[in-house]
Amino acid sequence: MKTLVIHPQDKSTEFLIPIYMNLKSFPDFDDVTIIRGGQTKNEVDKLIAEHERIIMLGHGSPGGLFSVGKFNGNESYIIDEHTVPLLRDKECILIWCNANKFVETHNLKGLYSGMFISEVGEANYCGLPGTPQDIVDESNNYFAKELGSVSERSLDEMYHHIKYTYGILTESNAVAEYNNNRLYLN
């Protein structure tokens, strides 16, 4: 499966790398392109058109995936409403804060997150004040490791695996519980 990973380089989202770092080792995923920045929006759009599965990771909003200044041009987003027609017939994985609102607004299909706590400040904002960094780190690392362990599978298999395995962590980790309740598949 031709797979494109769009993960703007950003120290605060490096924990997401395990989601895709082993994809090239699977026989059915011999054509994997990983972009972390440097391309123009048009170049990214062309890559999207050429791939079957699009994995989009990082910081975002209901408006799309932030470019965080890593791509050529002055766009705030590397994935936005203009990208939607290219994503319609793709197998999409969208992990960023409020990706659910982007997916629902544009009637897209895939595996995606709602508000996703990945930093202590976000935990405070989302009603988990006093959450220590180690709890956030445990949630982040466990989520990425578990999703990465099945990243070559169908979206349905990925979704059920992550809901179950990440769900185990929810018993002792309030951040994982918050995030697990905001993972979706359609």
N, C-alpha and C. Protein backbone atom coordinates (compact mmCIF):
# COMPACT_ATOMS: atom_id res chain seq x y z
N MET A 1 0.85 -1.18 0.00
CA MET A 1 0.00 0.00 0.00
C MET A 1 0.89 1.24 0.00
N LYS A 2 0.69 2.11 -0.96
CA LYS A 2 1.46 3.37 -1.00
C LYS A 2 0.99 4.26 0.14
N THR A 3 1.90 4.55 1.05
CA THR A 3 1.56 5.29 2.27
C THR A 3 2.37 6.57 2.36
N LEU A 4 1.67 7.64 2.68
CA LEU A 4 2.29 8.95 2.90
C LEU A 4 2.09 9.33 4.36
N VAL A 5 3.18 9.66 5.03
CA VAL A 5 3.12 10.16 6.40
C VAL A 5 3.46 11.63 6.37
N ILE A 6 2.56 12.45 6.90
CA ILE A 6 2.79 13.89 7.03
C ILE A 6 2.85 14.19 8.52
N HIS A 7 4.05 14.50 8.99
CA HIS A 7 4.27 14.75 10.42
C HIS A 7 5.25 15.91 10.54
N PRO A 8 4.72 17.15 10.56
CA PRO A 8 5.61 18.30 10.67
C PRO A 8 6.57 18.17 11.86
N GLN A 9 7.83 18.42 11.60
CA GLN A 9 8.85 18.30 12.63
C GLN A 9 8.57 19.28 13.75
N ASP A 10 8.43 18.75 14.96
CA ASP A 10 8.10 19.55 16.12
C ASP A 10 8.46 18.71 17.35
N LYS A 11 9.35 19.21 18.15
CA LYS A 11 9.83 18.45 19.31
C LYS A 11 8.68 17.94 20.19
N SER A 12 7.62 18.72 20.30
CA SER A 12 6.52 18.33 21.19
C SER A 12 5.65 17.20 20.64
N THR A 13 5.85 16.81 19.36
CA THR A 13 5.08 15.69 18.82
C THR A 13 5.98 14.53 18.36
N GLU A 14 7.24 14.56 18.76
CA GLU A 14 8.16 13.48 18.40
C GLU A 14 7.68 12.13 18.94
N PHE A 15 6.90 12.13 20.01
CA PHE A 15 6.41 10.88 20.58
C PHE A 15 5.56 10.10 19.58
N LEU A 16 5.07 10.74 18.51
CA LEU A 16 4.23 10.09 17.51
C LEU A 16 5.03 9.25 16.50
N ILE A 17 6.33 9.40 16.45
CA ILE A 17 7.16 8.69 15.47
C ILE A 17 6.94 7.17 15.49
N PRO A 18 6.79 6.52 16.65
CA PRO A 18 6.58 5.06 16.62
C PRO A 18 5.34 4.61 15.84
N ILE A 19 4.42 5.51 15.58
CA ILE A 19 3.24 5.13 14.80
C ILE A 19 3.63 4.68 13.40
N TYR A 20 4.66 5.28 12.83
CA TYR A 20 5.01 4.97 11.44
C TYR A 20 6.45 4.48 11.24
N MET A 21 7.26 4.45 12.27
CA MET A 21 8.69 4.17 12.07
C MET A 21 8.99 2.77 11.54
N ASN A 22 8.10 1.82 11.72
CA ASN A 22 8.36 0.46 11.25
C ASN A 22 7.59 0.10 9.98
N LEU A 23 6.84 1.02 9.42
CA LEU A 23 6.02 0.69 8.25
C LEU A 23 6.83 0.12 7.09
N LYS A 24 8.01 0.63 6.85
CA LYS A 24 8.81 0.18 5.71
C LYS A 24 9.26 -1.27 5.85
N SER A 25 9.16 -1.84 7.04
CA SER A 25 9.59 -3.22 7.24
C SER A 25 8.50 -4.23 6.87
N PHE A 26 7.29 -3.77 6.58
CA PHE A 26 6.21 -4.68 6.21
C PHE A 26 6.15 -4.83 4.70
N PRO A 27 6.06 -6.06 4.20
CA PRO A 27 6.08 -6.29 2.75
C PRO A 27 5.01 -5.52 1.98
N ASP A 28 3.83 -5.37 2.55
CA ASP A 28 2.75 -4.66 1.85
C ASP A 28 2.90 -3.15 1.91
N PHE A 29 3.90 -2.67 2.64
CA PHE A 29 4.13 -1.24 2.78
C PHE A 29 5.53 -0.89 2.31
N ASP A 30 5.88 -1.35 1.13
CA ASP A 30 7.22 -1.11 0.62
C ASP A 30 7.37 0.28 0.02
N ASP A 31 6.28 0.97 -0.18
CA ASP A 31 6.33 2.32 -0.75
C ASP A 31 5.79 3.32 0.28
N VAL A 32 6.65 3.71 1.20
CA VAL A 32 6.28 4.62 2.28
C VAL A 32 7.09 5.90 2.13
N THR A 33 6.38 7.03 2.09
CA THR A 33 7.02 8.34 2.01
C THR A 33 6.72 9.08 3.31
N ILE A 34 7.76 9.56 3.96
CA ILE A 34 7.61 10.30 5.21
C ILE A 34 8.10 11.71 4.97
N ILE A 35 7.22 12.69 5.23
CA ILE A 35 7.63 14.09 5.09
C ILE A 35 7.44 14.80 6.43
N ARG A 36 8.47 15.55 6.81
CA ARG A 36 8.48 16.26 8.08
C ARG A 36 8.57 17.77 7.87
N GLY A 37 8.65 18.19 6.59
CA GLY A 37 8.76 19.61 6.27
C GLY A 37 9.63 19.81 5.05
N GLY A 38 9.64 21.05 4.57
CA GLY A 38 10.50 21.41 3.44
C GLY A 38 9.79 21.50 2.10
N GLN A 39 8.63 20.86 1.99
CA GLN A 39 7.88 20.89 0.74
C GLN A 39 6.93 22.09 0.71
N THR A 40 6.47 22.42 -0.49
CA THR A 40 5.40 23.41 -0.63
C THR A 40 4.08 22.69 -0.46
N LYS A 41 3.02 23.44 -0.26
CA LYS A 41 1.68 22.84 -0.15
C LYS A 41 1.34 22.10 -1.44
N ASN A 42 1.69 22.64 -2.59
CA ASN A 42 1.42 21.97 -3.87
C ASN A 42 2.16 20.65 -3.97
N GLU A 43 3.39 20.61 -3.49
CA GLU A 43 4.15 19.35 -3.51
C GLU A 43 3.51 18.31 -2.58
N VAL A 44 3.03 18.74 -1.44
CA VAL A 44 2.35 17.83 -0.52
C VAL A 44 1.06 17.32 -1.16
N ASP A 45 0.31 18.21 -1.79
CA ASP A 45 -0.92 17.80 -2.47
C ASP A 45 -0.65 16.75 -3.54
N LYS A 46 0.42 16.93 -4.29
CA LYS A 46 0.79 15.97 -5.32
C LYS A 46 1.11 14.61 -4.71
N LEU A 47 1.82 14.62 -3.59
CA LEU A 47 2.13 13.37 -2.90
C LEU A 47 0.86 12.69 -2.38
N ILE A 48 -0.06 13.47 -1.86
CA ILE A 48 -1.33 12.90 -1.39
C ILE A 48 -2.03 12.19 -2.55
N ALA A 49 -2.08 12.84 -3.69
CA ALA A 49 -2.75 12.26 -4.86
C ALA A 49 -2.12 10.93 -5.28
N GLU A 50 -0.84 10.76 -5.03
CA GLU A 50 -0.10 9.56 -5.47
C GLU A 50 -0.14 8.40 -4.48
N HIS A 51 -0.70 8.60 -3.30
CA HIS A 51 -0.68 7.58 -2.26
C HIS A 51 -2.09 7.12 -1.91
N GLU A 52 -2.17 5.91 -1.31
CA GLU A 52 -3.45 5.32 -0.94
C GLU A 52 -3.83 5.58 0.52
N ARG A 53 -2.85 5.48 1.40
CA ARG A 53 -3.08 5.74 2.83
C ARG A 53 -2.31 6.99 3.20
N ILE A 54 -3.00 7.91 3.88
CA ILE A 54 -2.39 9.17 4.30
C ILE A 54 -2.46 9.23 5.83
N ILE A 55 -1.29 9.28 6.46
CA ILE A 55 -1.19 9.39 7.92
C ILE A 55 -0.77 10.82 8.23
N MET A 56 -1.62 11.53 8.98
CA MET A 56 -1.38 12.94 9.28
C MET A 56 -1.31 13.11 10.80
N LEU A 57 -0.15 13.57 11.28
CA LEU A 57 0.12 13.62 12.71
C LEU A 57 0.70 14.96 13.12
N GLY A 58 0.36 15.40 14.32
CA GLY A 58 0.97 16.62 14.85
C GLY A 58 -0.03 17.48 15.59
N HIS A 59 0.24 18.77 15.60
CA HIS A 59 -0.68 19.72 16.22
C HIS A 59 -1.65 20.22 15.17
N GLY A 60 -2.87 20.45 15.60
CA GLY A 60 -3.87 20.94 14.67
C GLY A 60 -5.05 21.56 15.38
N SER A 61 -6.08 21.79 14.61
CA SER A 61 -7.31 22.41 15.11
C SER A 61 -8.44 21.92 14.21
N PRO A 62 -9.67 22.37 14.46
CA PRO A 62 -10.75 22.00 13.55
C PRO A 62 -10.48 22.43 12.10
N GLY A 63 -9.57 23.36 11.90
CA GLY A 63 -9.24 23.84 10.56
C GLY A 63 -8.23 22.98 9.82
N GLY A 64 -7.55 22.05 10.52
CA GLY A 64 -6.60 21.17 9.85
C GLY A 64 -5.35 20.92 10.66
N LEU A 65 -4.34 20.37 9.97
CA LEU A 65 -3.05 20.05 10.57
C LEU A 65 -2.10 21.23 10.39
N PHE A 66 -1.59 21.75 11.50
CA PHE A 66 -0.69 22.89 11.45
C PHE A 66 0.61 22.54 10.73
N SER A 67 1.12 23.49 9.98
CA SER A 67 2.41 23.30 9.32
C SER A 67 3.56 23.62 10.26
N VAL A 68 3.31 24.26 11.36
CA VAL A 68 4.27 24.70 12.38
C VAL A 68 5.55 25.29 11.76
N GLY A 69 5.37 25.99 10.65
CA GLY A 69 6.48 26.68 10.01
C GLY A 69 7.51 25.77 9.37
N LYS A 70 7.19 24.51 9.16
CA LYS A 70 8.16 23.55 8.62
C LYS A 70 8.05 23.35 7.11
N PHE A 71 7.02 23.89 6.50
CA PHE A 71 6.83 23.71 5.06
C PHE A 71 7.03 25.06 4.36
N ASN A 72 7.43 25.00 3.10
CA ASN A 72 7.69 26.22 2.33
C ASN A 72 6.38 26.93 2.01
N GLY A 73 6.34 28.21 2.26
CA GLY A 73 5.14 29.01 2.07
C GLY A 73 4.71 29.59 3.39
N ASN A 74 3.70 30.40 3.35
CA ASN A 74 3.25 31.08 4.56
C ASN A 74 1.96 30.50 5.13
N GLU A 75 1.59 29.29 4.70
CA GLU A 75 0.35 28.70 5.16
C GLU A 75 0.45 28.27 6.62
N SER A 76 -0.62 28.51 7.37
CA SER A 76 -0.68 28.04 8.75
C SER A 76 -0.90 26.54 8.81
N TYR A 77 -1.61 26.01 7.81
CA TYR A 77 -1.95 24.59 7.78
C TYR A 77 -1.28 23.93 6.58
N ILE A 78 -0.84 22.68 6.79
CA ILE A 78 -0.37 21.87 5.66
C ILE A 78 -1.52 21.00 5.15
N ILE A 79 -2.48 20.69 6.02
CA ILE A 79 -3.72 20.00 5.65
C ILE A 79 -4.86 20.92 6.06
N ASP A 80 -5.71 21.28 5.10
CA ASP A 80 -6.82 22.17 5.39
C ASP A 80 -7.97 21.90 4.43
N GLU A 81 -8.94 22.81 4.39
CA GLU A 81 -10.13 22.60 3.55
C GLU A 81 -9.78 22.42 2.08
N HIS A 82 -8.69 22.98 1.62
CA HIS A 82 -8.29 22.85 0.22
C HIS A 82 -7.75 21.45 -0.09
N THR A 83 -7.34 20.73 0.94
CA THR A 83 -6.81 19.37 0.78
C THR A 83 -7.92 18.33 0.73
N VAL A 84 -9.09 18.68 1.22
CA VAL A 84 -10.19 17.74 1.38
C VAL A 84 -10.51 16.94 0.11
N PRO A 85 -10.64 17.56 -1.07
CA PRO A 85 -10.95 16.74 -2.26
C PRO A 85 -9.92 15.64 -2.52
N LEU A 86 -8.67 15.88 -2.17
CA LEU A 86 -7.63 14.87 -2.37
C LEU A 86 -7.74 13.73 -1.36
N LEU A 87 -8.35 13.99 -0.20
CA LEU A 87 -8.45 13.00 0.87
C LEU A 87 -9.71 12.14 0.77
N ARG A 88 -10.66 12.53 -0.03
CA ARG A 88 -11.97 11.86 -0.09
C ARG A 88 -11.88 10.36 -0.31
N ASP A 89 -11.05 9.90 -1.22
CA ASP A 89 -10.98 8.48 -1.55
C ASP A 89 -9.76 7.80 -0.95
N LYS A 90 -9.18 8.40 0.05
CA LYS A 90 -7.97 7.85 0.69
C LYS A 90 -8.32 7.18 2.01
N GLU A 91 -7.44 6.29 2.44
CA GLU A 91 -7.52 5.70 3.76
C GLU A 91 -6.76 6.67 4.67
N CYS A 92 -7.47 7.36 5.54
CA CYS A 92 -6.87 8.44 6.33
C CYS A 92 -6.74 8.08 7.80
N ILE A 93 -5.61 8.50 8.36
CA ILE A 93 -5.38 8.46 9.80
C ILE A 93 -5.02 9.88 10.19
N LEU A 94 -5.83 10.48 11.05
CA LEU A 94 -5.66 11.89 11.42
C LEU A 94 -5.55 11.98 12.93
N ILE A 95 -4.34 12.22 13.43
CA ILE A 95 -4.13 12.33 14.87
C ILE A 95 -3.61 13.74 15.16
N TRP A 96 -4.53 14.60 15.55
CA TRP A 96 -4.21 15.94 16.02
C TRP A 96 -5.40 16.43 16.84
N CYS A 97 -5.22 17.45 17.63
CA CYS A 97 -6.31 17.97 18.45
C CYS A 97 -7.46 18.43 17.57
N ASN A 98 -8.63 17.91 17.89
CA ASN A 98 -9.87 18.26 17.21
C ASN A 98 -9.92 17.85 15.74
N ALA A 99 -9.19 16.81 15.38
CA ALA A 99 -9.29 16.29 14.01
C ALA A 99 -10.72 15.82 13.73
N ASN A 100 -11.43 15.40 14.77
CA ASN A 100 -12.81 14.96 14.59
C ASN A 100 -13.68 16.06 13.97
N LYS A 101 -13.46 17.29 14.37
CA LYS A 101 -14.25 18.39 13.81
C LYS A 101 -13.90 18.63 12.35
N PHE A 102 -12.64 18.45 12.00
CA PHE A 102 -12.21 18.57 10.60
C PHE A 102 -12.86 17.45 9.78
N VAL A 103 -12.79 16.22 10.29
CA VAL A 103 -13.36 15.06 9.58
C VAL A 103 -14.86 15.22 9.41
N GLU A 104 -15.56 15.59 10.48
CA GLU A 104 -17.02 15.72 10.43
C GLU A 104 -17.46 16.88 9.54
N THR A 105 -16.77 18.00 9.62
CA THR A 105 -17.12 19.15 8.78
C THR A 105 -17.01 18.82 7.31
N HIS A 106 -15.99 18.04 6.95
CA HIS A 106 -15.71 17.76 5.55
C HIS A 106 -16.15 16.36 5.11
N ASN A 107 -16.86 15.66 6.02
CA ASN A 107 -17.41 14.34 5.70
C ASN A 107 -16.35 13.38 5.17
N LEU A 108 -15.23 13.31 5.88
CA LEU A 108 -14.16 12.39 5.52
C LEU A 108 -14.32 11.07 6.25
N LYS A 109 -13.57 10.09 5.85
CA LYS A 109 -13.57 8.77 6.48
C LYS A 109 -12.18 8.47 7.01
N GLY A 110 -12.11 7.68 8.08
CA GLY A 110 -10.82 7.27 8.57
C GLY A 110 -10.80 6.98 10.05
N LEU A 111 -9.60 6.89 10.58
CA LEU A 111 -9.32 6.73 12.00
C LEU A 111 -8.79 8.08 12.47
N TYR A 112 -9.38 8.64 13.52
CA TYR A 112 -9.02 10.00 13.90
C TYR A 112 -9.28 10.28 15.37
N SER A 113 -8.70 11.38 15.83
CA SER A 113 -8.81 11.77 17.23
C SER A 113 -9.67 13.02 17.38
N GLY A 114 -10.20 13.17 18.58
CA GLY A 114 -10.81 14.43 18.97
C GLY A 114 -9.73 15.25 19.67
N MET A 115 -10.13 16.05 20.63
CA MET A 115 -9.13 16.73 21.44
C MET A 115 -8.22 15.66 22.02
N PHE A 116 -6.92 15.85 21.88
CA PHE A 116 -5.96 14.82 22.30
C PHE A 116 -4.94 15.49 23.20
N ILE A 117 -4.93 15.10 24.46
CA ILE A 117 -3.99 15.68 25.42
C ILE A 117 -2.61 15.08 25.18
N SER A 118 -1.65 15.97 24.83
CA SER A 118 -0.28 15.51 24.64
C SER A 118 0.72 16.37 25.41
N GLU A 119 0.20 17.35 26.16
CA GLU A 119 1.05 18.26 26.94
C GLU A 119 0.34 18.57 28.26
N VAL A 120 1.11 18.91 29.27
CA VAL A 120 0.55 19.23 30.59
C VAL A 120 -0.44 20.40 30.50
N GLY A 121 -0.11 21.42 29.72
CA GLY A 121 -1.01 22.56 29.56
C GLY A 121 -2.36 22.15 29.00
N GLU A 122 -2.35 21.19 28.08
CA GLU A 122 -3.61 20.70 27.52
C GLU A 122 -4.40 19.92 28.57
N ALA A 123 -3.71 19.18 29.42
CA ALA A 123 -4.38 18.46 30.50
C ALA A 123 -5.10 19.44 31.42
N ASN A 124 -4.41 20.52 31.77
CA ASN A 124 -5.03 21.54 32.62
C ASN A 124 -6.26 22.13 31.92
N TYR A 125 -6.12 22.47 30.66
CA TYR A 125 -7.20 23.07 29.87
C TYR A 125 -8.40 22.13 29.76
N CYS A 126 -8.14 20.82 29.71
CA CYS A 126 -9.20 19.83 29.50
C CYS A 126 -9.78 19.28 30.80
N GLY A 127 -9.49 19.94 31.91
CA GLY A 127 -10.12 19.55 33.16
C GLY A 127 -9.34 18.55 33.99
N LEU A 128 -8.05 18.40 33.72
CA LEU A 128 -7.21 17.51 34.51
C LEU A 128 -6.07 18.32 35.14
N PRO A 129 -6.41 19.32 35.97
CA PRO A 129 -5.37 20.16 36.56
C PRO A 129 -4.46 19.36 37.48
N GLY A 130 -3.21 19.76 37.50
CA GLY A 130 -2.23 19.10 38.37
C GLY A 130 -1.68 17.81 37.80
N THR A 131 -2.00 17.51 36.55
CA THR A 131 -1.47 16.29 35.93
C THR A 131 0.03 16.45 35.74
N PRO A 132 0.82 15.53 36.28
CA PRO A 132 2.27 15.64 36.13
C PRO A 132 2.74 15.20 34.73
N GLN A 133 3.92 15.66 34.36
CA GLN A 133 4.49 15.35 33.05
C GLN A 133 4.63 13.85 32.81
N ASP A 134 4.99 13.10 33.85
CA ASP A 134 5.19 11.66 33.65
C ASP A 134 3.90 10.94 33.26
N ILE A 135 2.77 11.42 33.70
CA ILE A 135 1.48 10.81 33.33
C ILE A 135 1.18 11.12 31.86
N VAL A 136 1.43 12.34 31.44
CA VAL A 136 1.24 12.72 30.03
C VAL A 136 2.19 11.92 29.15
N ASP A 137 3.44 11.83 29.56
CA ASP A 137 4.44 11.07 28.79
C ASP A 137 4.05 9.60 28.67
N GLU A 138 3.61 9.02 29.78
CA GLU A 138 3.19 7.61 29.75
C GLU A 138 2.06 7.41 28.74
N SER A 139 1.08 8.30 28.76
CA SER A 139 -0.04 8.21 27.82
C SER A 139 0.44 8.36 26.38
N ASN A 140 1.23 9.39 26.14
CA ASN A 140 1.74 9.64 24.78
C ASN A 140 2.51 8.44 24.23
N ASN A 141 3.46 7.96 25.02
CA ASN A 141 4.34 6.89 24.56
C ASN A 141 3.59 5.58 24.37
N TYR A 142 2.68 5.27 25.27
CA TYR A 142 1.91 4.03 25.16
C TYR A 142 1.01 4.09 23.94
N PHE A 143 0.34 5.21 23.72
CA PHE A 143 -0.54 5.36 22.56
C PHE A 143 0.23 5.14 21.26
N ALA A 144 1.34 5.84 21.10
CA ALA A 144 2.12 5.75 19.85
C ALA A 144 2.69 4.35 19.65
N LYS A 145 3.20 3.75 20.70
CA LYS A 145 3.76 2.39 20.59
C LYS A 145 2.68 1.40 20.18
N GLU A 146 1.52 1.48 20.80
CA GLU A 146 0.43 0.53 20.49
C GLU A 146 -0.14 0.76 19.09
N LEU A 147 -0.33 2.00 18.70
CA LEU A 147 -0.85 2.24 17.35
C LEU A 147 0.19 1.82 16.32
N GLY A 148 1.45 2.08 16.60
CA GLY A 148 2.52 1.68 15.70
C GLY A 148 2.66 0.17 15.57
N SER A 149 2.29 -0.56 16.60
CA SER A 149 2.41 -2.02 16.56
C SER A 149 1.44 -2.66 15.58
N VAL A 150 0.44 -1.91 15.14
CA VAL A 150 -0.56 -2.44 14.19
C VAL A 150 -0.75 -1.51 12.99
N SER A 151 0.22 -0.65 12.75
CA SER A 151 0.06 0.38 11.71
C SER A 151 -0.03 -0.17 10.29
N GLU A 152 0.28 -1.44 10.10
CA GLU A 152 0.18 -2.05 8.78
C GLU A 152 -1.20 -2.68 8.55
N ARG A 153 -2.01 -2.73 9.57
CA ARG A 153 -3.32 -3.40 9.48
C ARG A 153 -4.39 -2.46 8.94
N SER A 154 -5.58 -3.01 8.78
CA SER A 154 -6.72 -2.20 8.32
C SER A 154 -7.07 -1.17 9.38
N LEU A 155 -7.75 -0.12 8.98
CA LEU A 155 -8.16 0.91 9.94
C LEU A 155 -9.05 0.32 11.02
N ASP A 156 -9.93 -0.60 10.64
CA ASP A 156 -10.82 -1.23 11.61
C ASP A 156 -10.01 -2.01 12.66
N GLU A 157 -9.03 -2.77 12.21
CA GLU A 157 -8.19 -3.53 13.15
C GLU A 157 -7.37 -2.58 14.02
N MET A 158 -6.85 -1.52 13.43
CA MET A 158 -6.08 -0.54 14.21
C MET A 158 -6.95 0.07 15.30
N TYR A 159 -8.15 0.49 14.90
CA TYR A 159 -9.06 1.14 15.85
C TYR A 159 -9.38 0.21 17.02
N HIS A 160 -9.77 -1.02 16.73
CA HIS A 160 -10.15 -1.92 17.81
C HIS A 160 -8.94 -2.29 18.69
N HIS A 161 -7.79 -2.41 18.09
CA HIS A 161 -6.58 -2.70 18.88
C HIS A 161 -6.27 -1.53 19.83
N ILE A 162 -6.26 -0.32 19.29
CA ILE A 162 -5.88 0.82 20.13
C ILE A 162 -6.93 1.09 21.21
N LYS A 163 -8.20 0.93 20.87
CA LYS A 163 -9.24 1.15 21.89
C LYS A 163 -9.07 0.14 23.04
N TYR A 164 -8.73 -1.09 22.70
CA TYR A 164 -8.55 -2.11 23.73
C TYR A 164 -7.26 -1.91 24.51
N THR A 165 -6.12 -1.85 23.81
CA THR A 165 -4.84 -1.81 24.52
C THR A 165 -4.61 -0.49 25.24
N TYR A 166 -4.93 0.62 24.59
CA TYR A 166 -4.80 1.93 25.24
C TYR A 166 -5.83 2.00 26.36
N GLY A 167 -6.94 1.32 26.15
CA GLY A 167 -7.98 1.27 27.19
C GLY A 167 -7.50 0.66 28.48
N ILE A 168 -6.56 -0.28 28.40
CA ILE A 168 -6.00 -0.89 29.61
C ILE A 168 -5.31 0.19 30.47
N LEU A 169 -4.61 1.09 29.80
CA LEU A 169 -3.91 2.16 30.53
C LEU A 169 -4.88 3.12 31.21
N THR A 170 -6.10 3.21 30.71
CA THR A 170 -7.07 4.17 31.28
C THR A 170 -7.40 3.88 32.74
N GLU A 171 -7.15 2.65 33.16
CA GLU A 171 -7.43 2.28 34.54
C GLU A 171 -6.53 3.02 35.53
N SER A 172 -5.33 3.43 35.07
CA SER A 172 -4.39 4.10 35.97
C SER A 172 -3.94 5.47 35.45
N ASN A 173 -4.44 5.90 34.29
CA ASN A 173 -3.94 7.12 33.68
C ASN A 173 -5.12 7.94 33.14
N ALA A 174 -5.41 9.06 33.79
CA ALA A 174 -6.56 9.88 33.42
C ALA A 174 -6.40 10.52 32.04
N VAL A 175 -5.17 10.80 31.63
CA VAL A 175 -4.94 11.37 30.30
C VAL A 175 -5.29 10.34 29.23
N ALA A 176 -4.86 9.11 29.44
CA ALA A 176 -5.20 8.04 28.50
C ALA A 176 -6.71 7.84 28.45
N GLU A 177 -7.37 7.93 29.57
CA GLU A 177 -8.84 7.79 29.59
C GLU A 177 -9.48 8.90 28.76
N TYR A 178 -9.03 10.13 28.99
CA TYR A 178 -9.56 11.26 28.23
C TYR A 178 -9.36 11.04 26.73
N ASN A 179 -8.15 10.71 26.33
CA ASN A 179 -7.83 10.54 24.91
C ASN A 179 -8.55 9.34 24.30
N ASN A 180 -8.59 8.24 25.02
CA ASN A 180 -9.23 7.03 24.49
C ASN A 180 -10.70 7.25 24.20
N ASN A 181 -11.34 8.09 25.00
CA ASN A 181 -12.74 8.42 24.78
C ASN A 181 -12.95 9.31 23.56
N ARG A 182 -11.86 9.76 22.96
CA ARG A 182 -11.93 10.67 21.82
C ARG A 182 -11.18 10.12 20.59
N LEU A 183 -11.24 8.81 20.43
CA LEU A 183 -10.72 8.15 19.24
C LEU A 183 -11.90 7.62 18.45
N TYR A 184 -11.88 7.83 17.14
CA TYR A 184 -13.04 7.53 16.32
C TYR A 184 -12.64 6.78 15.03
N LEU A 185 -13.63 6.08 14.50
CA LEU A 185 -13.48 5.40 13.21
C LEU A 185 -14.80 5.54 12.48
N ASN A 186 -14.71 5.96 11.22
CA ASN A 186 -15.93 5.95 10.39
C ASN A 186 -15.58 5.60 8.98
